Amino acid sequence: MATEKFETSLKKLEEVVRRLEGGSLSLEDSLKAFEEGVRHAAFCSKKLDEAERRVEVLLKQKDGSFKREPFEPDDN
């Protein structure tokens, strides 16, 4: 999964959820699908955390220049 993209992994996670919700999988297949889903969820979570750390907000200063500040999410 190292070279996989976030969007690809998210789609695979959504497919796993659909298969599990379908209710037609055997117990063994359900467990395998669940394990796969956990891997994709962890990958997506890691990529989102990385993206959040990389986001910088540009704030326009009174003199017209821009100042970079780290992104701080609202806690609301």
C-alpha atoms as a PDB file:
ATOM      1  CA  MET A   1       0.000   0.000   0.000  1.00  0.00           C
ATOM      2  CA  ALA A   2       3.079   2.242   0.151  1.00  0.00           C
ATOM      3  CA  THR A   3       2.641   3.622  -3.368  1.00  0.00           C
ATOM      4  CA  GLU A   4      -1.144   3.695  -3.224  1.00  0.00           C
ATOM      5  CA  LYS A   5      -2.995   6.973  -3.413  1.00  0.00           C
ATOM      6  CA  PHE A   6      -5.460   8.208  -0.822  1.00  0.00           C
ATOM      7  CA  GLU A   7      -8.366   8.255  -3.282  1.00  0.00           C
ATOM      8  CA  THR A   8      -7.701   4.685  -4.406  1.00  0.00           C
ATOM      9  CA  SER A   9      -7.507   3.415  -0.854  1.00  0.00           C
ATOM     10  CA  LEU A  10     -10.670   5.284   0.108  1.00  0.00           C
ATOM     11  CA  LYS A  11     -12.576   3.696  -2.783  1.00  0.00           C
ATOM     12  CA  LYS A  12     -11.327   0.264  -1.734  1.00  0.00           C
ATOM     13  CA  LEU A  13     -12.431   0.972   1.833  1.00  0.00           C
ATOM     14  CA  GLU A  14     -15.888   1.979   0.606  1.00  0.00           C
ATOM     15  CA  GLU A  15     -16.108  -1.254  -1.398  1.00  0.00           C
ATOM     16  CA  VAL A  16     -15.141  -3.312   1.645  1.00  0.00           C
ATOM     17  CA  VAL A  17     -17.877  -1.592   3.653  1.00  0.00           C
ATOM     18  CA  ARG A  18     -20.440  -2.341   0.926  1.00  0.00           C
ATOM     19  CA  ARG A  19     -19.419  -6.010   0.862  1.00  0.00           C
ATOM     20  CA  LEU A  20     -19.647  -6.277   4.641  1.00  0.00           C
ATOM     21  CA  GLU A  21     -22.998  -4.498   4.766  1.00  0.00           C
ATOM     22  CA  GLY A  22     -24.316  -6.812   2.042  1.00  0.00           C
ATOM     23  CA  GLY A  23     -24.320  -9.644   4.554  1.00  0.00           C
ATOM     24  CA  SER A  24     -23.584 -12.361   2.007  1.00  0.00           C
ATOM     25  CA  LEU A  25     -19.981 -13.051   3.046  1.00  0.00           C
ATOM     26  CA  SER A  26     -19.015 -16.070   5.102  1.00  0.00           C
ATOM     27  CA  LEU A  27     -17.521 -15.464   8.521  1.00  0.00           C
ATOM     28  CA  GLU A  28     -14.016 -16.137   7.208  1.00  0.00           C
ATOM     29  CA  ASP A  29     -14.510 -13.808   4.223  1.00  0.00           C
ATOM     30  CA  SER A  30     -16.015 -11.168   6.504  1.00  0.00           C
ATOM     31  CA  LEU A  31     -12.948 -11.288   8.744  1.00  0.00           C
ATOM     32  CA  LYS A  32     -10.608 -10.980   5.756  1.00  0.00           C
ATOM     33  CA  ALA A  33     -12.635  -8.068   4.399  1.00  0.00           C
ATOM     34  CA  PHE A  34     -12.640  -6.421   7.819  1.00  0.00           C
ATOM     35  CA  GLU A  35      -8.851  -6.750   8.061  1.00  0.00           C
ATOM     36  CA  GLU A  36      -8.512  -5.236   4.597  1.00  0.00           C
ATOM     37  CA  GLY A  37     -10.815  -2.387   5.613  1.00  0.00           C
ATOM     38  CA  VAL A  38      -8.779  -1.693   8.741  1.00  0.00           C
ATOM     39  CA  ARG A  39      -5.609  -1.449   6.624  1.00  0.00           C
ATOM     40  CA  HIS A  40      -7.263   0.980   4.199  1.00  0.00           C
ATOM     41  CA  ALA A  41      -8.749   3.054   7.043  1.00  0.00           C
ATOM     42  CA  ALA A  42      -5.339   3.314   8.733  1.00  0.00           C
ATOM     43  CA  PHE A  43      -3.696   4.300   5.432  1.00  0.00           C
ATOM     44  CA  CYS A  44      -6.316   6.984   4.766  1.00  0.00           C
ATOM     45  CA  SER A  45      -6.038   8.306   8.300  1.00  0.00           C
ATOM     46  CA  LYS A  46      -2.246   8.513   7.993  1.00  0.00           C
ATOM     47  CA  LYS A  47      -2.489  10.375   4.674  1.00  0.00           C
ATOM     48  CA  LEU A  48      -5.014  12.839   6.112  1.00  0.00           C
ATOM     49  CA  ASP A  49      -2.765  13.464   9.115  1.00  0.00           C
ATOM     50  CA  GLU A  50       0.187  14.082   6.793  1.00  0.00           C
ATOM     51  CA  ALA A  51      -1.858  16.490   4.690  1.00  0.00           C
ATOM     52  CA  GLU A  52      -3.051  18.396   7.741  1.00  0.00           C
ATOM     53  CA  ARG A  53       0.532  18.850   8.925  1.00  0.00           C
ATOM     54  CA  ARG A  54       1.527  20.178   5.499  1.00  0.00           C
ATOM     55  CA  VAL A  55      -1.263  22.690   5.159  1.00  0.00           C
ATOM     56  CA  GLU A  56      -0.215  26.258   5.677  1.00  0.00           C
ATOM     57  CA  VAL A  57      -2.535  29.195   5.680  1.00  0.00           C
ATOM     58  CA  LEU A  58      -1.485  32.389   3.945  1.00  0.00           C
ATOM     59  CA  LEU A  59      -2.704  35.467   5.754  1.00  0.00           C
ATOM     60  CA  LYS A  60      -2.621  38.815   3.990  1.00  0.00           C
ATOM     61  CA  GLN A  61      -0.867  41.476   6.036  1.00  0.00           C
ATOM     62  CA  LYS A  62      -1.840  45.136   6.145  1.00  0.00           C
ATOM     63  CA  ASP A  63       1.117  46.029   3.933  1.00  0.00           C
ATOM     64  CA  GLY A  64      -0.089  43.622   1.220  1.00  0.00           C
ATOM     65  CA  SER A  65       2.468  40.937   1.949  1.00  0.00           C
ATOM     66  CA  PHE A  66       1.580  37.412   2.963  1.00  0.00           C
ATOM     67  CA  LYS A  67       2.569  35.638   6.126  1.00  0.00           C
ATOM     68  CA  ARG A  68       2.678  31.859   6.397  1.00  0.00           C
ATOM     69  CA  GLU A  69       1.270  30.311   9.535  1.00  0.00           C
ATOM     70  CA  PRO A  70       0.756  26.672  10.396  1.00  0.00           C
ATOM     71  CA  PHE A  71      -2.738  25.365   9.875  1.00  0.00           C
ATOM     72  CA  GLU A  72      -4.686  25.124  13.127  1.00  0.00           C
ATOM     73  CA  PRO A  73      -8.074  23.392  12.832  1.00  0.00           C
ATOM     74  CA  ASP A  74     -11.061  24.838  14.646  1.00  0.00           C
ATOM     75  CA  ASP A  75     -12.063  22.814  17.671  1.00  0.00           C
ATOM     76  CA  ASN A  76     -15.731  23.740  17.167  1.00  0.00           C
END
